[in-house]
Amino acid sequence: MAEQQRKASIERNTNETQIKLSFQVDGTGQADIQSDVPFLNHMLDLFTKHGHFDLQVDANGDIEIDDHHTVEDIGICLGLALREALGDKKGIKRYANVFVPMDEALAQVVIDISNRPHLEYRAQYPSAQVGTLTTELIHEFLWKFALEARITLHVIVHYGQNTHHMIEAVFKALGRALDEATTIDPRVQGVPSTKGVL
């Protein structure tokens, strides 16, 4: 019997945003990201490529106000899709710890697919904005992603001088860490928890 594909599609419509998102855990790095926040599109493309996922996003939001609602709601939808795609989480490695350099910048992402949503975020950027995106929205995206995916996520930017490089290292590390944590380990019987459930 063929292995069930780990994928999910989410649609979220509010007075602020309209989002359609599909996510496949075991993909080929194919991204089709369409939103009105170009820098986030670029980061999600990197996340997808480095995680070997497949991700499609079609998002429209009230960017005439600012990018906040669009960035937040894409994070929500991606988290929901990951949680649904992983199902009962049987056989996954669960944990990952990945460092990624980007020129002078170094980012670390540590993940526990724990069913306990938590974000620890340690980053100080030289610039308050990159492209049209306010850098404080990176925290908002990561928090809503971790919350809806119900994962423990630690993100540490150890150092850097260029804001673009620093955030790029974060998203590459996030993709690689999530890829490792969601990998099926044939040694794992059931779920990797003494509780018997994740």
Protein backbone atom coordinates (compact mmCIF):
# COMPACT_ATOMS: atom_id res chain seq x y z
CA MET A 1 0.00 0.00 0.00
CA ALA A 2 1.37 3.42 -0.94
CA GLU A 3 2.45 5.69 1.85
CA GLN A 4 -0.09 8.43 2.55
CA GLN A 5 1.08 11.84 1.40
CA ARG A 6 1.61 14.35 4.18
CA LYS A 7 -0.09 17.42 2.78
CA ALA A 8 -2.88 19.86 3.59
CA SER A 9 -4.72 22.81 2.10
CA ILE A 10 -6.03 25.75 4.10
CA GLU A 11 -8.34 28.58 3.08
CA ARG A 12 -8.81 31.60 5.35
CA ASN A 13 -11.04 34.55 4.51
CA THR A 14 -11.48 37.54 6.80
CA ASN A 15 -12.30 41.22 6.36
CA GLU A 16 -8.53 41.81 6.29
CA THR A 17 -7.09 38.94 4.22
CA GLN A 18 -8.02 36.22 1.75
CA ILE A 19 -5.56 33.33 1.72
CA LYS A 20 -5.34 29.97 -0.01
CA LEU A 21 -2.36 27.85 1.01
CA SER A 22 -1.31 24.28 0.28
CA PHE A 23 1.67 22.57 1.88
CA GLN A 24 3.31 19.20 1.29
CA VAL A 25 5.89 17.98 3.79
CA ASP A 26 7.56 15.48 1.46
CA GLY A 27 7.98 17.65 -1.58
CA THR A 28 10.66 18.68 -4.06
CA GLY A 29 11.26 22.30 -3.06
CA GLN A 30 8.66 23.75 -5.41
CA ALA A 31 7.27 27.12 -4.34
CA ASP A 32 4.55 29.28 -5.87
CA ILE A 33 4.19 32.22 -3.51
CA GLN A 34 1.88 35.08 -4.45
CA SER A 35 1.30 37.83 -1.90
CA ASP A 36 1.62 41.60 -1.75
CA VAL A 37 4.63 41.34 0.58
CA PRO A 38 7.60 40.68 -1.74
CA PHE A 39 10.21 40.13 0.97
CA LEU A 40 8.04 37.49 2.69
CA ASN A 41 7.51 35.81 -0.69
CA HIS A 42 11.29 35.58 -1.05
CA MET A 43 11.71 34.17 2.48
CA LEU A 44 8.99 31.55 1.96
CA ASP A 45 10.61 30.53 -1.31
CA LEU A 46 13.88 29.95 0.57
CA PHE A 47 12.08 28.09 3.38
CA THR A 48 10.42 25.79 0.83
CA LYS A 49 13.57 25.11 -1.18
CA HIS A 50 15.76 24.36 1.84
CA GLY A 51 13.08 22.21 3.51
CA HIS A 52 12.34 20.20 0.34
CA PHE A 53 8.65 21.04 0.80
CA ASP A 54 6.05 22.04 -1.78
CA LEU A 55 4.23 25.27 -0.93
CA GLN A 56 1.63 27.29 -2.77
CA VAL A 57 0.35 30.57 -1.35
CA ASP A 58 -2.19 32.94 -2.89
CA ALA A 59 -2.72 35.81 -0.45
CA ASN A 60 -4.39 39.19 -0.69
CA GLY A 61 -4.53 41.57 2.25
CA ASP A 62 -5.06 45.13 3.37
CA ILE A 63 -1.51 46.26 2.67
CA GLU A 64 -2.78 49.82 2.23
CA ILE A 65 -2.82 49.80 6.05
CA ASP A 66 0.40 47.82 6.46
CA ASP A 67 1.76 44.29 5.96
CA HIS A 68 0.78 43.07 9.44
CA HIS A 69 -2.45 41.20 8.72
CA THR A 70 -1.09 39.49 5.59
CA VAL A 71 2.11 38.31 7.27
CA GLU A 72 0.27 37.16 10.40
CA ASP A 73 -2.41 35.28 8.51
CA ILE A 74 0.04 33.51 6.22
CA GLY A 75 1.84 32.36 9.38
CA ILE A 76 -1.46 31.11 10.78
CA CYS A 77 -2.33 29.21 7.59
CA LEU A 78 1.13 27.65 7.26
CA GLY A 79 0.99 26.47 10.88
CA LEU A 80 -2.47 24.99 10.42
CA ALA A 81 -1.36 23.23 7.23
CA LEU A 82 1.73 21.74 8.88
CA ARG A 83 -0.28 20.45 11.82
CA GLU A 84 -2.89 18.86 9.56
CA ALA A 85 -0.30 17.40 7.19
CA LEU A 86 1.61 15.68 10.01
CA GLY A 87 -1.51 13.95 11.30
CA ASP A 88 -0.73 11.65 14.26
CA LYS A 89 3.04 12.31 13.85
CA LYS A 90 3.90 8.61 14.00
CA GLY A 91 7.50 7.83 13.16
CA ILE A 92 8.82 11.39 13.02
CA LYS A 93 12.20 12.38 14.45
CA ARG A 94 10.44 15.21 16.35
CA TYR A 95 13.55 17.29 17.21
CA ALA A 96 16.03 19.28 15.12
CA ASN A 97 18.77 21.83 15.70
CA VAL A 98 20.15 23.63 12.64
CA PHE A 99 22.68 26.44 12.15
CA VAL A 100 22.74 28.34 8.86
CA PRO A 101 25.27 31.02 7.92
CA MET A 102 24.48 33.73 5.38
CA ASP A 103 27.69 35.60 4.71
CA GLU A 104 28.39 37.48 7.98
CA ALA A 105 25.14 36.38 9.67
CA LEU A 106 24.50 33.19 11.64
CA ALA A 107 21.05 31.89 12.61
CA GLN A 108 20.04 28.88 14.67
CA VAL A 109 16.63 27.21 14.68
CA VAL A 110 15.71 24.49 17.19
CA ILE A 111 12.39 22.65 16.83
CA ASP A 112 10.37 20.25 18.92
CA ILE A 113 7.18 19.01 17.26
CA SER A 114 5.70 18.73 20.70
CA ASN A 115 2.00 19.74 20.56
CA ARG A 116 3.08 22.50 22.97
CA PRO A 117 3.15 25.83 21.12
CA HIS A 118 5.98 28.09 22.22
CA LEU A 119 8.31 30.59 20.58
CA GLU A 120 11.64 31.82 21.93
CA TYR A 121 13.00 34.51 19.63
CA ARG A 122 16.37 36.17 20.01
CA ALA A 123 17.14 38.60 17.20
CA GLN A 124 18.19 42.20 16.96
CA TYR A 125 18.29 43.64 13.47
CA PRO A 126 20.26 46.72 12.36
CA SER A 127 17.31 47.99 10.31
CA ALA A 128 13.66 48.36 11.28
CA GLN A 129 12.56 47.56 7.73
CA VAL A 130 13.69 45.39 4.82
CA GLY A 131 11.90 45.94 1.54
CA THR A 132 8.39 46.94 2.52
CA LEU A 133 8.41 44.62 5.53
CA THR A 134 8.79 45.89 9.08
CA THR A 135 11.24 43.52 10.75
CA GLU A 136 9.11 43.18 13.90
CA LEU A 137 6.67 41.20 11.73
CA ILE A 138 9.18 38.34 11.53
CA HIS A 139 8.40 37.66 15.19
CA GLU A 140 4.67 37.87 14.46
CA PHE A 141 4.95 35.37 11.60
CA LEU A 142 7.05 32.89 13.58
CA TRP A 143 4.83 33.12 16.67
CA LYS A 144 1.61 32.51 14.76
CA PHE A 145 3.23 29.69 12.80
CA ALA A 146 4.44 27.97 16.00
CA LEU A 147 1.10 28.56 17.73
CA GLU A 148 -1.05 27.03 15.00
CA ALA A 149 1.40 24.22 14.20
CA ARG A 150 1.61 23.52 17.95
CA ILE A 151 5.39 23.27 17.91
CA THR A 152 8.10 24.54 20.23
CA LEU A 153 10.30 26.86 18.17
CA HIS A 154 13.53 28.55 19.26
CA VAL A 155 15.05 31.07 16.84
CA ILE A 156 18.40 32.70 17.62
CA VAL A 157 20.25 35.11 15.37
CA HIS A 158 23.71 34.91 16.89
CA TYR A 159 25.16 37.82 14.94
CA GLY A 160 25.08 39.71 11.66
CA GLN A 161 25.34 43.15 10.13
CA ASN A 162 22.92 42.98 7.19
CA THR A 163 19.24 42.64 8.07
CA HIS A 164 18.39 40.84 4.84
CA HIS A 165 21.15 38.28 5.44
CA MET A 166 20.08 37.74 9.06
CA ILE A 167 16.43 37.07 8.24
CA GLU A 168 17.37 34.96 5.23
CA ALA A 169 19.49 32.75 7.49
CA VAL A 170 16.48 32.35 9.81
CA PHE A 171 14.15 31.13 7.06
CA LYS A 172 16.73 28.78 5.55
CA ALA A 173 17.39 27.33 9.01
CA LEU A 174 13.66 27.03 9.67
CA GLY A 175 13.16 25.03 6.48
CA ARG A 176 16.10 22.74 7.18
CA ALA A 177 15.16 22.19 10.83
CA LEU A 178 11.53 21.46 10.00
CA ASP A 179 12.62 19.04 7.28
CA GLU A 180 14.79 17.15 9.77
CA ALA A 181 12.20 17.12 12.58
CA THR A 182 9.44 15.82 10.26
CA THR A 183 11.61 13.10 8.71
CA ILE A 184 10.32 9.59 9.27
CA ASP A 185 12.79 7.51 11.30
CA PRO A 186 12.21 3.78 10.77
CA ARG A 187 13.52 3.10 14.29
CA VAL A 188 10.64 5.06 15.85
CA GLN A 189 7.68 2.91 16.84
CA GLY A 190 4.55 5.01 17.14
CA VAL A 191 5.35 8.54 18.27
CA PRO A 192 8.66 9.62 19.88
CA SER A 193 7.19 10.39 23.31
CA THR A 194 6.87 8.49 26.56
CA LYS A 195 3.35 9.90 26.76
CA GLY A 196 2.39 7.84 23.72
CA VAL A 197 0.94 10.89 21.96
CA LEU A 198 2.15 14.17 20.47
